[in-house]
């Protein structure tokens, strides 16, 4: 007998069912690498405290002990309704997922969306992407983590790849051999910029400049939807910034005039003794300067000898950062992690 599908569209005052929260611990009960899921954090995300609830609509569904799914409807920059799916966890069985995704697609179609995209938890300011290869270690902070059968289930349900991403890692001594421009050529020299270690206080002081920098940088990313400053603060605050603040090298860069010129996020995976380059962003005015090379050099030499590997995280396959990472990680011992986003058209489905 089929177990009931329990679904709801979130309303003010709603809370997550215990059955929804119980799915992930059930799926990963025997997985030593699963990082766990904080029930209090999950509950808060699905509450009025989350600014997303002021600009979008949320659907949740689950089948007890089998699978769970959430949907998030909001407007993109063109004013079109976009629906993402996220918080998906499931046993290796197509049938309950077919039921869940059909229910979500009906809801997405009713919102006026033309397609379903994911996995994206609320928005791409949060965690998104699917891990495509089989994990052999615990994930670093913010890395997608899921069993290998997830992508096969999506394919069986008619989802197609939308975008591909990767992380790569190599021996630290190899990565540090990366050739970078000299520090005293060009219109702006390295000495023209000041680098200050990232702290929550420093971030808060320059929050408005950083909001403009980050939202401009992400605006062309697949799956991006515009968000309020309140939503930005929800994702970038004293708690969420801690993994970056605690890692060697993370900093804000300031121009000769004292305004924010760029930022560098790094992560430290102590279990794997790996230093991770997460994000570089440069204000457009300084993109032809040496600041990009300056921040890369800071990453390369902020991790001392205890860090045996260095790498770059969650890159797409285009752009200068990807080209740099592929040049830096060049030994036969380099390791890749692969991720993806998927989509399915819902306009002409008989749901």
Protein backbone atom coordinates (compact mmCIF):
# COMPACT_ATOMS: atom_id res chain seq x y z
CA UNK A 1 0.00 0.00 0.00
CA UNK A 2 1.28 3.46 -0.90
CA UNK A 3 2.25 5.67 2.00
CA UNK A 4 0.51 9.05 1.97
CA UNK A 5 2.17 12.05 0.34
CA UNK A 6 1.99 14.92 2.80
CA UNK A 7 2.29 18.32 1.12
CA UNK A 8 1.66 21.92 2.06
CA UNK A 9 2.23 25.46 0.83
CA UNK A 10 3.95 27.38 3.60
CA UNK A 11 1.85 29.92 5.47
CA UNK A 12 2.86 32.30 8.25
CA UNK A 13 3.18 30.34 11.47
CA UNK A 14 3.74 26.96 9.80
CA UNK A 15 6.55 24.70 10.97
CA UNK A 16 8.27 21.73 9.39
CA UNK A 17 6.72 18.36 10.14
CA UNK A 18 8.86 15.96 12.13
CA UNK A 19 8.35 13.46 9.31
CA UNK A 20 10.08 15.83 6.86
CA UNK A 21 13.01 16.30 9.24
CA UNK A 22 13.32 12.55 9.86
CA UNK A 23 14.04 11.68 6.22
CA UNK A 24 17.72 12.74 6.01
CA UNK A 25 18.87 10.89 9.18
CA UNK A 26 17.11 7.81 7.83
CA UNK A 27 18.85 8.05 4.42
CA UNK A 28 22.33 8.57 5.90
CA UNK A 29 22.02 6.34 8.97
CA UNK A 30 25.01 4.21 7.91
CA UNK A 31 27.03 6.86 6.06
CA UNK A 32 30.18 7.80 8.04
CA UNK A 33 30.82 10.90 5.89
CA UNK A 34 27.42 12.59 6.20
CA UNK A 35 27.94 15.92 8.02
CA UNK A 36 24.53 15.79 9.67
CA UNK A 37 21.61 18.18 9.64
CA UNK A 38 20.81 20.60 12.45
CA UNK A 39 17.09 20.36 13.16
CA UNK A 40 17.01 23.80 14.78
CA UNK A 41 18.69 25.39 11.76
CA UNK A 42 16.31 23.64 9.38
CA UNK A 43 13.29 24.74 11.40
CA UNK A 44 14.49 28.34 11.41
CA UNK A 45 15.04 28.31 7.64
CA UNK A 46 11.41 27.29 7.16
CA UNK A 47 10.05 30.06 9.38
CA UNK A 48 9.07 33.71 9.17
CA UNK A 49 12.61 34.60 10.30
CA UNK A 50 13.86 33.76 6.79
CA UNK A 51 13.53 36.88 4.58
CA UNK A 52 12.87 34.65 1.58
CA UNK A 53 9.37 34.16 2.97
CA UNK A 54 8.70 37.87 2.34
CA UNK A 55 9.56 37.68 -1.37
CA UNK A 56 8.71 34.14 -2.39
CA UNK A 57 6.43 31.16 -1.82
CA UNK A 58 7.40 27.77 -0.43
CA UNK A 59 6.00 24.25 -0.91
CA UNK A 60 7.05 21.13 1.00
CA UNK A 61 6.21 17.48 0.53
CA UNK A 62 7.34 14.15 1.92
CA UNK A 63 6.53 10.47 2.04
CA UNK A 64 7.44 9.04 5.43
CA UNK A 65 10.74 7.11 5.51
CA UNK A 66 11.07 7.43 1.71
CA UNK A 67 11.69 10.92 0.34
CA UNK A 68 11.23 14.64 0.91
CA UNK A 69 11.23 17.69 -1.37
CA UNK A 70 10.77 21.46 -1.17
CA UNK A 71 9.90 24.03 -3.83
CA UNK A 72 10.66 27.76 -3.89
CA UNK A 73 8.86 30.23 -6.16
CA UNK A 74 10.17 33.74 -6.74
CA UNK A 75 10.64 36.29 -9.53
CA UNK A 76 13.81 36.67 -11.57
CA UNK A 77 15.22 39.97 -12.86
CA UNK A 78 12.93 39.79 -15.92
CA UNK A 79 9.84 39.47 -13.73
CA UNK A 80 9.29 35.80 -14.61
CA UNK A 81 8.29 33.26 -11.98
CA UNK A 82 11.06 30.78 -11.24
CA UNK A 83 10.60 27.63 -9.17
CA UNK A 84 13.59 25.83 -7.68
CA UNK A 85 13.54 22.48 -5.91
CA UNK A 86 15.76 21.72 -2.94
CA UNK A 87 16.25 19.91 0.36
CA UNK A 88 15.73 16.73 -1.64
CA UNK A 89 16.60 13.52 0.18
CA UNK A 90 15.48 10.06 -0.87
CA UNK A 91 15.91 6.31 -0.81
CA UNK A 92 16.98 4.70 -4.09
CA UNK A 93 13.49 4.24 -5.48
CA UNK A 94 11.88 6.10 -8.37
CA UNK A 95 8.25 5.58 -7.34
CA UNK A 96 8.02 7.89 -4.29
CA UNK A 97 10.08 10.49 -6.12
CA UNK A 98 7.80 10.34 -9.14
CA UNK A 99 4.88 11.13 -6.85
CA UNK A 100 6.70 13.95 -5.04
CA UNK A 101 8.05 15.64 -8.15
CA UNK A 102 4.70 15.43 -9.95
CA UNK A 103 3.08 17.15 -6.96
CA UNK A 104 5.76 19.85 -6.97
CA UNK A 105 5.47 20.33 -10.74
CA UNK A 106 1.72 20.83 -10.41
CA UNK A 107 2.40 23.51 -7.81
CA UNK A 108 5.15 25.10 -9.95
CA UNK A 109 2.85 25.21 -12.96
CA UNK A 110 0.14 26.85 -10.84
CA UNK A 111 2.65 29.54 -9.85
CA UNK A 112 3.22 30.33 -13.52
CA UNK A 113 6.67 28.76 -13.82
CA UNK A 114 7.84 27.22 -17.08
CA UNK A 115 10.45 24.90 -15.64
CA UNK A 116 11.78 23.41 -12.42
CA UNK A 117 15.48 23.88 -11.53
CA UNK A 118 17.59 22.38 -8.77
CA UNK A 119 18.79 21.31 -6.38
CA UNK A 120 18.74 24.85 -4.95
CA UNK A 121 17.89 25.42 -1.29
CA UNK A 122 15.75 28.57 -1.44
CA UNK A 123 18.19 30.47 -3.72
CA UNK A 124 21.75 30.26 -5.05
CA UNK A 125 22.88 32.43 -2.13
CA UNK A 126 22.32 29.23 -0.14
CA UNK A 127 23.54 25.70 -0.77
CA UNK A 128 22.87 24.36 -4.26
CA UNK A 129 24.08 21.80 -6.83
CA UNK A 130 24.05 17.98 -6.80
CA UNK A 131 27.17 15.90 -6.15
CA UNK A 132 27.64 13.68 -9.21
CA UNK A 133 30.50 11.39 -8.18
CA UNK A 134 30.65 9.10 -5.14
CA UNK A 135 32.10 10.89 -2.09
CA UNK A 136 35.12 9.23 -0.51
CA UNK A 137 35.43 11.67 2.39
CA UNK A 138 33.33 14.10 4.39
CA UNK A 139 32.40 17.29 2.48
CA UNK A 140 34.11 20.61 3.06
CA UNK A 141 31.97 23.49 4.37
CA UNK A 142 29.20 24.27 1.89
CA UNK A 143 29.93 21.34 -0.43
CA UNK A 144 26.92 19.39 -1.74
CA UNK A 145 26.66 15.90 -0.33
CA UNK A 146 24.31 13.15 -1.49
CA UNK A 147 24.31 9.46 -2.49
CA UNK A 148 25.37 8.66 -6.07
CA UNK A 149 21.92 7.48 -7.14
CA UNK A 150 20.35 10.96 -7.03
CA UNK A 151 21.42 11.96 -10.53
CA UNK A 152 20.12 8.67 -11.95
CA UNK A 153 16.73 9.20 -10.34
CA UNK A 154 16.51 12.69 -11.84
CA UNK A 155 17.32 11.28 -15.27
CA UNK A 156 14.61 8.64 -14.90
CA UNK A 157 12.11 11.41 -14.13
CA UNK A 158 12.94 13.42 -17.25
CA UNK A 159 15.34 15.99 -15.77
CA UNK A 160 18.22 17.16 -17.92
CA UNK A 161 21.61 18.67 -17.00
CA UNK A 162 21.53 22.47 -16.90
CA UNK A 163 25.01 23.37 -15.65
CA UNK A 164 28.20 21.59 -14.55
CA UNK A 165 30.63 22.52 -11.78
CA UNK A 166 33.73 21.06 -10.19
CA UNK A 167 36.21 21.27 -7.34
CA UNK A 168 39.81 20.18 -7.79
CA UNK A 169 42.70 19.52 -5.42
CA UNK A 170 46.39 18.79 -5.79
CA UNK A 171 49.60 18.61 -3.80
CA UNK A 172 50.33 21.97 -2.17
CA UNK A 173 53.90 22.13 -3.51
CA UNK A 174 52.58 21.67 -7.05
CA UNK A 175 49.87 24.33 -6.74
CA UNK A 176 52.31 26.89 -5.30
CA UNK A 177 54.36 26.72 -8.48
CA UNK A 178 51.61 28.62 -10.30
CA UNK A 179 53.14 31.45 -12.31
CA UNK A 180 51.68 34.88 -11.47
CA UNK A 181 52.47 38.39 -12.79
CA UNK A 182 55.09 40.49 -11.04
CA UNK A 183 53.76 42.71 -8.27
CA UNK A 184 55.01 46.05 -9.60
CA UNK A 185 53.70 46.29 -13.16
CA UNK A 186 50.58 47.91 -14.55
CA UNK A 187 48.52 50.92 -13.56
CA UNK A 188 47.93 49.68 -10.01
CA UNK A 189 50.69 47.82 -8.23
CA UNK A 190 50.20 45.32 -5.45
CA UNK A 191 51.38 47.91 -2.95
CA UNK A 192 48.49 50.19 -3.93
CA UNK A 193 45.99 47.85 -2.28
CA UNK A 194 45.63 47.02 1.39
CA UNK A 195 44.41 43.59 2.51
CA UNK A 196 42.62 43.17 5.83
CA UNK A 197 41.81 39.75 7.32
CA UNK A 198 38.12 38.95 7.14
CA UNK A 199 36.18 39.37 10.39
CA UNK A 200 32.44 39.72 11.07
CA UNK A 201 33.04 43.30 12.26
CA UNK A 202 34.93 44.24 9.11
CA UNK A 203 32.19 42.67 6.99
CA UNK A 204 29.46 44.54 8.80
CA UNK A 205 31.31 47.84 8.41
CA UNK A 206 31.39 47.46 4.62
CA UNK A 207 28.17 45.48 4.18
CA UNK A 208 26.55 47.85 1.65
CA UNK A 209 29.59 47.82 -0.65
CA UNK A 210 29.80 44.04 -0.36
CA UNK A 211 26.12 43.62 -1.15
CA UNK A 212 26.63 45.56 -4.39
CA UNK A 213 29.81 43.64 -5.26
CA UNK A 214 28.44 40.16 -4.60
CA UNK A 215 25.02 40.61 -6.18
CA UNK A 216 26.62 42.12 -9.29
CA UNK A 217 29.09 39.23 -9.46
CA UNK A 218 26.38 36.57 -9.13
CA UNK A 219 23.79 38.27 -11.34
CA UNK A 220 24.69 36.29 -14.48
CA UNK A 221 24.91 32.91 -12.74
CA UNK A 222 22.51 30.16 -13.74
CA UNK A 223 19.68 29.93 -11.23
CA UNK A 224 20.27 33.43 -9.84
CA UNK A 225 17.24 35.33 -8.56
CA UNK A 226 17.43 38.85 -7.17
CA UNK A 227 17.14 39.16 -3.40
CA UNK A 228 16.69 41.87 -0.83
CA UNK A 229 19.46 43.17 1.41
CA UNK A 230 17.70 41.37 4.25
CA UNK A 231 18.06 38.07 2.38
CA UNK A 232 21.73 38.89 1.70
CA UNK A 233 22.27 39.49 5.44
CA UNK A 234 20.56 36.18 6.19
CA UNK A 235 23.20 34.35 4.14
CA UNK A 236 26.21 36.53 5.02
CA UNK A 237 26.39 37.22 8.75
CA UNK A 238 28.61 36.58 11.77
CA UNK A 239 27.59 32.92 11.97
CA UNK A 240 27.67 31.97 8.29
CA UNK A 241 30.97 33.78 7.70
CA UNK A 242 32.81 31.84 10.42
CA UNK A 243 34.24 29.11 8.11
CA UNK A 244 35.81 31.85 5.97
CA UNK A 245 36.95 34.01 8.89
CA UNK A 246 38.64 31.02 10.54
CA UNK A 247 40.55 29.99 7.41
CA UNK A 248 43.98 31.44 6.56
CA UNK A 249 43.95 34.08 3.84
CA UNK A 250 40.33 35.24 3.74
CA UNK A 251 40.33 39.01 3.42
CA UNK A 252 38.83 42.19 2.03
CA UNK A 253 40.94 44.27 -0.35
CA UNK A 254 40.80 48.05 -0.24
CA UNK A 255 41.73 50.51 -2.98
CA UNK A 256 44.10 53.48 -2.60
CA UNK A 257 40.97 55.57 -1.86
CA UNK A 258 39.88 53.19 0.93
CA UNK A 259 36.81 51.67 -0.72
CA UNK A 260 36.27 47.92 -1.13
CA UNK A 261 38.13 46.72 -4.23
CA UNK A 262 37.69 42.98 -3.84
CA UNK A 263 37.41 39.99 -1.55
CA UNK A 264 38.92 36.55 -1.05
CA UNK A 265 37.12 33.65 0.64
CA UNK A 266 39.16 30.61 1.65
CA UNK A 267 38.23 27.45 3.57
CA UNK A 268 40.33 25.13 5.71
CA UNK A 269 39.42 21.43 5.60
CA UNK A 270 41.36 20.19 8.63
CA UNK A 271 40.33 16.55 8.18
CA UNK A 272 41.90 16.44 4.72
CA UNK A 273 44.66 18.97 5.59
CA UNK A 274 43.52 20.95 2.56
CA UNK A 275 43.43 24.70 1.94
CA UNK A 276 40.58 25.66 -0.35
CA UNK A 277 40.21 28.67 -2.61
CA UNK A 278 36.49 29.44 -2.53
CA UNK A 279 35.83 32.86 -4.09
CA UNK A 280 37.60 35.87 -5.52
CA UNK A 281 35.59 38.94 -6.49
CA UNK A 282 37.03 42.15 -7.91
CA UNK A 283 35.19 45.47 -8.29
CA UNK A 284 34.95 46.11 -12.08
CA UNK A 285 37.12 49.26 -11.89
CA UNK A 286 40.08 47.17 -10.69
CA UNK A 287 39.74 44.05 -12.83
CA UNK A 288 42.66 45.08 -15.05
CA UNK A 289 44.87 45.62 -12.02
CA UNK A 290 47.15 43.16 -10.24
CA UNK A 291 44.60 42.65 -7.49
CA UNK A 292 43.46 39.27 -8.85
CA UNK A 293 47.05 38.00 -8.80
CA UNK A 294 47.63 39.57 -5.39
CA UNK A 295 44.68 37.70 -3.87
CA UNK A 296 45.71 34.44 -5.54
CA UNK A 297 49.21 34.84 -4.13
CA UNK A 298 47.72 35.45 -0.69
CA UNK A 299 45.76 32.21 -0.95
CA UNK A 300 48.77 30.19 -2.11
CA UNK A 301 51.04 31.29 0.72
CA UNK A 302 48.61 31.73 3.64
CA UNK A 303 48.48 27.97 4.22
CA UNK A 304 51.67 26.69 5.85
CA UNK A 305 53.37 23.29 5.63
CA UNK A 306 50.71 21.49 7.70
CA UNK A 307 48.33 21.85 4.74
CA UNK A 308 49.45 19.16 2.32
CA UNK A 309 46.92 19.90 -0.43
CA UNK A 310 45.44 23.01 -2.00
CA UNK A 311 42.48 23.34 -4.28
CA UNK A 312 39.60 25.37 -5.69
CA UNK A 313 35.94 24.79 -4.87
CA UNK A 314 32.63 24.81 -6.74
CA UNK A 315 33.79 26.36 -10.01
CA UNK A 316 31.88 26.47 -13.27
CA UNK A 317 33.73 25.49 -16.44
CA UNK A 318 34.20 29.04 -17.75
CA UNK A 319 36.09 32.13 -16.70
CA UNK A 320 39.57 33.13 -15.54
CA UNK A 321 39.33 31.45 -12.14
CA UNK A 322 38.67 28.08 -13.76
CA UNK A 323 41.57 28.54 -16.16
CA UNK A 324 43.83 29.44 -13.23
CA UNK A 325 42.73 26.40 -11.22
CA UNK A 326 43.36 24.06 -14.14
CA UNK A 327 46.86 25.51 -14.58
CA UNK A 328 47.64 25.25 -10.87
CA UNK A 329 46.40 21.71 -10.26
CA UNK A 330 48.45 19.94 -12.87
CA UNK A 331 50.02 16.83 -11.35
CA UNK A 332 48.89 13.23 -11.99
CA UNK A 333 47.64 13.21 -8.39
CA UNK A 334 45.00 15.90 -8.82
CA UNK A 335 41.50 14.98 -7.71
CA UNK A 336 38.16 16.26 -9.06
CA UNK A 337 34.73 16.47 -7.43
CA UNK A 338 31.85 16.96 -9.88
CA UNK A 339 28.47 18.66 -9.40
CA UNK A 340 25.49 19.70 -11.48
CA UNK A 341 22.21 21.54 -11.72
CA UNK A 342 19.19 19.97 -13.44
CA UNK A 343 15.96 21.21 -14.98
CA UNK A 344 12.68 19.95 -16.35
CA UNK A 345 10.10 21.82 -18.44
CA UNK A 346 6.66 21.81 -16.80
CA UNK A 347 4.66 23.82 -19.34
CA UNK A 348 3.28 20.98 -21.43
CA UNK A 349 3.20 18.22 -18.82
CA UNK A 350 -0.10 16.48 -18.08
CA UNK A 351 0.15 16.60 -14.31
